[in-house]
Protein backbone atom coordinates (compact mmCIF):
# COMPACT_ATOMS: atom_id res chain seq x y z
CA MET A 1 -49.41 27.01 15.38
CA ALA A 2 -46.16 28.83 16.00
CA THR A 3 -43.99 29.13 12.91
CA SER A 4 -40.98 31.10 11.73
CA ASP A 5 -42.46 31.38 8.20
CA LEU A 6 -46.13 32.38 8.29
CA ILE A 7 -46.50 32.69 4.53
CA GLN A 8 -45.21 29.17 3.91
CA ARG A 9 -47.28 27.70 6.75
CA VAL A 10 -50.52 29.28 5.53
CA TRP A 11 -49.79 28.14 1.97
CA GLN A 12 -49.29 24.59 3.24
CA HIS A 13 -52.64 24.70 5.05
CA LYS A 14 -54.45 26.22 2.06
CA ASN A 15 -53.14 23.36 -0.08
CA ASP A 16 -54.00 20.62 2.46
CA LEU A 17 -50.35 19.63 2.93
CA VAL A 18 -50.64 19.60 6.73
CA GLU A 19 -52.69 16.95 8.47
CA GLY A 20 -55.06 18.00 11.20
CA PHE A 21 -57.95 20.35 11.79
CA THR A 22 -57.52 22.54 8.70
CA ARG A 23 -57.46 19.62 6.29
CA ARG A 24 -60.16 17.64 8.08
CA TYR A 25 -62.63 20.55 8.15
CA GLY A 26 -61.55 22.45 5.03
CA VAL A 27 -60.47 25.56 6.92
CA HIS A 28 -58.36 27.63 4.54
CA THR A 29 -58.88 31.22 5.67
CA LEU A 30 -56.29 33.13 7.71
CA VAL A 31 -58.35 35.44 9.91
CA TRP A 32 -55.92 36.20 12.73
CA TYR A 33 -52.22 36.02 13.56
CA GLU A 34 -49.72 37.55 15.96
CA THR A 35 -46.02 38.17 15.66
CA HIS A 36 -43.57 37.74 18.53
CA PRO A 37 -39.89 38.67 18.84
CA THR A 38 -38.94 35.16 19.95
CA MET A 39 -40.15 31.64 19.20
CA GLU A 40 -40.35 31.01 22.94
CA GLY A 41 -42.77 33.92 23.31
CA ALA A 42 -44.86 32.70 20.39
CA ILE A 43 -45.09 29.18 21.81
CA ALA A 44 -46.02 30.48 25.27
CA ARG A 45 -48.78 32.64 23.78
CA GLU A 46 -50.06 29.72 21.68
CA LYS A 47 -50.27 27.50 24.76
CA ALA A 48 -52.11 30.20 26.70
CA ILE A 49 -54.66 30.79 23.92
CA LYS A 50 -55.31 27.05 23.58
CA LYS A 51 -56.69 27.13 27.14
CA TRP A 52 -59.09 29.99 26.37
CA ARG A 53 -62.80 29.59 25.90
CA ARG A 54 -64.02 29.72 22.31
CA ALA A 55 -65.85 33.02 22.91
CA TRP A 56 -62.59 34.68 23.96
CA LYS A 57 -60.88 33.45 20.80
CA ILE A 58 -63.72 34.84 18.69
CA GLU A 59 -63.43 38.21 20.48
CA LEU A 60 -59.68 38.24 19.82
CA THR A 61 -60.24 37.54 16.12
CA GLU A 62 -63.00 40.12 15.76
CA ALA A 63 -60.91 42.81 17.44
CA PHE A 64 -58.13 42.14 14.91
CA ASN A 65 -60.28 41.37 11.85
CA PRO A 66 -63.95 42.32 12.38
CA ASP A 67 -65.00 41.23 8.87
CA TRP A 68 -63.20 37.87 9.09
CA ARG A 69 -61.39 38.63 5.79
CA ASP A 70 -58.74 36.22 4.54
CA LEU A 71 -55.49 37.95 5.52
CA TYR A 72 -53.21 35.74 3.45
CA GLU A 73 -53.00 38.17 0.52
CA SER A 74 -52.03 40.98 2.89
CA ILE A 75 -48.94 39.08 4.11
CA VAL A 76 -47.56 37.73 0.81
């Protein structure tokens, strides 16, 4: 999800304050993110990635974070 405050957004997900997939399935690990100069660019990229096949999303994540480490501590 596009956000202007990644640290706050991840914290909210880790603490189940946001309804949806992360709360429902207990997903609390940040394994991938991108930064964009504009919110419009971030939203466009998010919409494009949502249309991707799951395998492509996994390849994107593994190229960025091959060990699937939680990246939250590296951004705070």
